[in-house]
Amino acid sequence: MQWCNSVFHFTNKDKVQFLPYTFAVSPESSVTVVPSTSNSHEGDTLVFSCSANGGPGNVYSWIRLSDSTTVGNTSNLTLTVSATDGGQYRCVVSNQAGNDSAATSLNGNNITYVYRGSSG
């Protein structure tokens, strides 16, 4: 997290006041997602991890781009992969100073159904 504290000095006659102030720093140009792409099988547990500089107070949102649905609100997105999960996901990081995002994808063409039934 990047932030700074500053103290402003105000002089009023013979009185000096010190007022603390915290500056928020935008996460702009610092958002990364790993892995950047994934090939998984149905039933696998997949974790996409999002990180960003800036702050304080970074807020994370994950959006599935195919239908603009918010699918998570922490820095990690955990999926139990199903055949319909393929596509792009975007992590959006915001705070009072600004926002930025990064995308990742789950390769839908390679999500394969793994038969886990009994034989016989």
Protein backbone atom coordinates (compact mmCIF):
# COMPACT_ATOMS: atom_id res chain seq x y z
CA MET A 1 0.00 0.00 0.00
CA GLN A 2 1.28 3.44 -0.87
CA TRP A 3 0.22 6.46 1.11
CA CYS A 4 1.77 9.41 2.82
CA ASN A 5 1.05 11.55 5.82
CA SER A 6 1.68 15.24 5.84
CA VAL A 7 1.45 17.91 8.47
CA PHE A 8 0.23 21.36 7.56
CA HIS A 9 1.54 24.24 9.65
CA PHE A 10 -0.80 27.18 10.19
CA THR A 11 0.29 30.28 12.05
CA ASN A 12 -2.30 32.48 13.72
CA LYS A 13 -0.56 35.29 15.59
CA ASP A 14 1.60 33.50 18.16
CA LYS A 15 -0.13 30.13 17.80
CA VAL A 16 1.10 27.34 15.50
CA GLN A 17 -1.29 24.51 14.66
CA PHE A 18 -0.32 21.13 13.25
CA LEU A 19 -3.05 19.36 11.33
CA PRO A 20 -2.43 15.81 10.04
CA TYR A 21 -3.66 14.92 6.56
CA THR A 22 -3.60 11.59 4.72
CA PHE A 23 -3.41 11.59 0.92
CA ALA A 24 -5.02 8.78 -1.05
CA VAL A 25 -3.02 7.41 -3.98
CA SER A 26 -4.82 6.04 -7.04
CA PRO A 27 -4.19 2.40 -8.03
CA GLU A 28 -3.88 3.59 -11.65
CA SER A 29 -1.35 1.65 -13.75
CA SER A 30 -0.60 -0.81 -10.95
CA VAL A 31 -3.32 -3.48 -11.15
CA THR A 32 -2.14 -6.99 -12.03
CA VAL A 33 -3.92 -10.35 -12.14
CA VAL A 34 -2.29 -13.78 -11.99
CA PRO A 35 -2.57 -16.07 -13.75
CA SER A 36 -3.22 -13.99 -16.86
CA THR A 37 -4.94 -16.96 -18.49
CA SER A 38 -5.85 -20.47 -17.41
CA ASN A 39 -6.82 -23.80 -18.91
CA SER A 40 -8.78 -25.86 -16.40
CA HIS A 41 -10.98 -28.91 -16.18
CA GLU A 42 -14.53 -28.96 -14.92
CA GLY A 43 -14.49 -29.39 -11.14
CA ASP A 44 -11.02 -27.85 -10.68
CA THR A 45 -10.58 -25.10 -8.11
CA LEU A 46 -9.07 -22.05 -9.77
CA VAL A 47 -7.86 -18.92 -7.97
CA PHE A 48 -7.24 -15.64 -9.76
CA SER A 49 -5.30 -13.17 -7.61
CA CYS A 50 -5.49 -9.39 -8.09
CA SER A 51 -3.03 -6.90 -6.61
CA ALA A 52 -2.64 -3.14 -6.78
CA ASN A 53 -0.66 -0.29 -5.33
CA GLY A 54 -2.33 2.86 -4.13
CA GLY A 55 -4.61 3.34 -1.21
CA PRO A 56 -5.52 3.48 1.51
CA GLY A 57 -8.93 1.87 1.18
CA ASN A 58 -8.59 -0.12 -2.04
CA VAL A 59 -11.87 -1.86 -2.92
CA TYR A 60 -11.80 -4.93 -5.20
CA SER A 61 -14.55 -6.08 -7.60
CA TRP A 62 -14.45 -8.99 -10.04
CA ILE A 63 -16.67 -8.82 -13.12
CA ARG A 64 -17.44 -11.66 -15.55
CA LEU A 65 -17.35 -9.79 -18.86
CA SER A 66 -19.67 -12.10 -20.81
CA ASP A 67 -22.70 -10.91 -18.81
CA SER A 68 -21.29 -7.99 -16.74
CA THR A 69 -22.03 -9.85 -13.51
CA THR A 70 -20.09 -9.02 -10.35
CA VAL A 71 -18.72 -12.38 -9.19
CA GLY A 72 -16.41 -11.36 -6.33
CA ASN A 73 -15.43 -8.52 -4.00
CA THR A 74 -12.05 -9.50 -2.56
CA SER A 75 -8.56 -9.53 -4.06
CA ASN A 76 -8.87 -13.26 -4.87
CA LEU A 77 -11.53 -14.84 -7.09
CA THR A 78 -12.01 -18.55 -6.43
CA LEU A 79 -13.98 -20.61 -8.94
CA THR A 80 -14.99 -24.24 -8.92
CA VAL A 81 -14.78 -24.52 -12.69
CA SER A 82 -17.85 -25.48 -14.67
CA ALA A 83 -18.28 -25.67 -18.43
CA THR A 84 -20.07 -22.30 -18.44
CA ASP A 85 -17.27 -20.41 -16.63
CA GLY A 86 -15.09 -19.87 -19.72
CA GLY A 87 -14.40 -16.29 -20.74
CA GLN A 88 -12.83 -13.10 -19.48
CA TYR A 89 -12.88 -11.73 -15.95
CA ARG A 90 -11.86 -8.21 -14.91
CA CYS A 91 -10.57 -7.12 -11.52
CA VAL A 92 -11.46 -3.48 -10.78
CA VAL A 93 -9.60 -1.73 -7.95
CA SER A 94 -10.85 1.62 -6.72
CA ASN A 95 -10.35 4.09 -3.90
CA GLN A 96 -11.20 7.74 -3.34
CA ALA A 97 -8.34 8.85 -5.63
CA GLY A 98 -9.26 6.76 -8.68
CA ASN A 99 -9.54 3.29 -10.17
CA ASP A 100 -7.95 0.89 -12.63
CA SER A 101 -8.45 -2.70 -13.75
CA ALA A 102 -6.82 -5.74 -15.31
CA ALA A 103 -8.31 -8.74 -17.09
CA THR A 104 -7.68 -12.46 -17.13
CA SER A 105 -9.32 -15.32 -18.97
CA LEU A 106 -10.40 -18.86 -18.42
CA ASN A 107 -10.08 -20.62 -21.75
CA GLY A 108 -13.60 -21.93 -22.35
CA ASN A 109 -12.53 -24.07 -25.29
CA ASN A 110 -10.38 -26.22 -23.02
CA ILE A 111 -12.82 -26.75 -20.14
CA THR A 112 -13.48 -30.44 -20.36
CA TYR A 113 -15.98 -32.51 -18.48
CA VAL A 114 -14.31 -35.20 -16.42
CA TYR A 115 -16.58 -38.19 -15.77
CA ARG A 116 -16.40 -39.03 -12.07
CA GLY A 117 -19.07 -41.75 -11.99
CA SER A 118 -18.63 -45.40 -11.13
CA SER A 119 -18.16 -48.08 -13.70
CA GLY A 120 -20.37 -51.06 -13.24
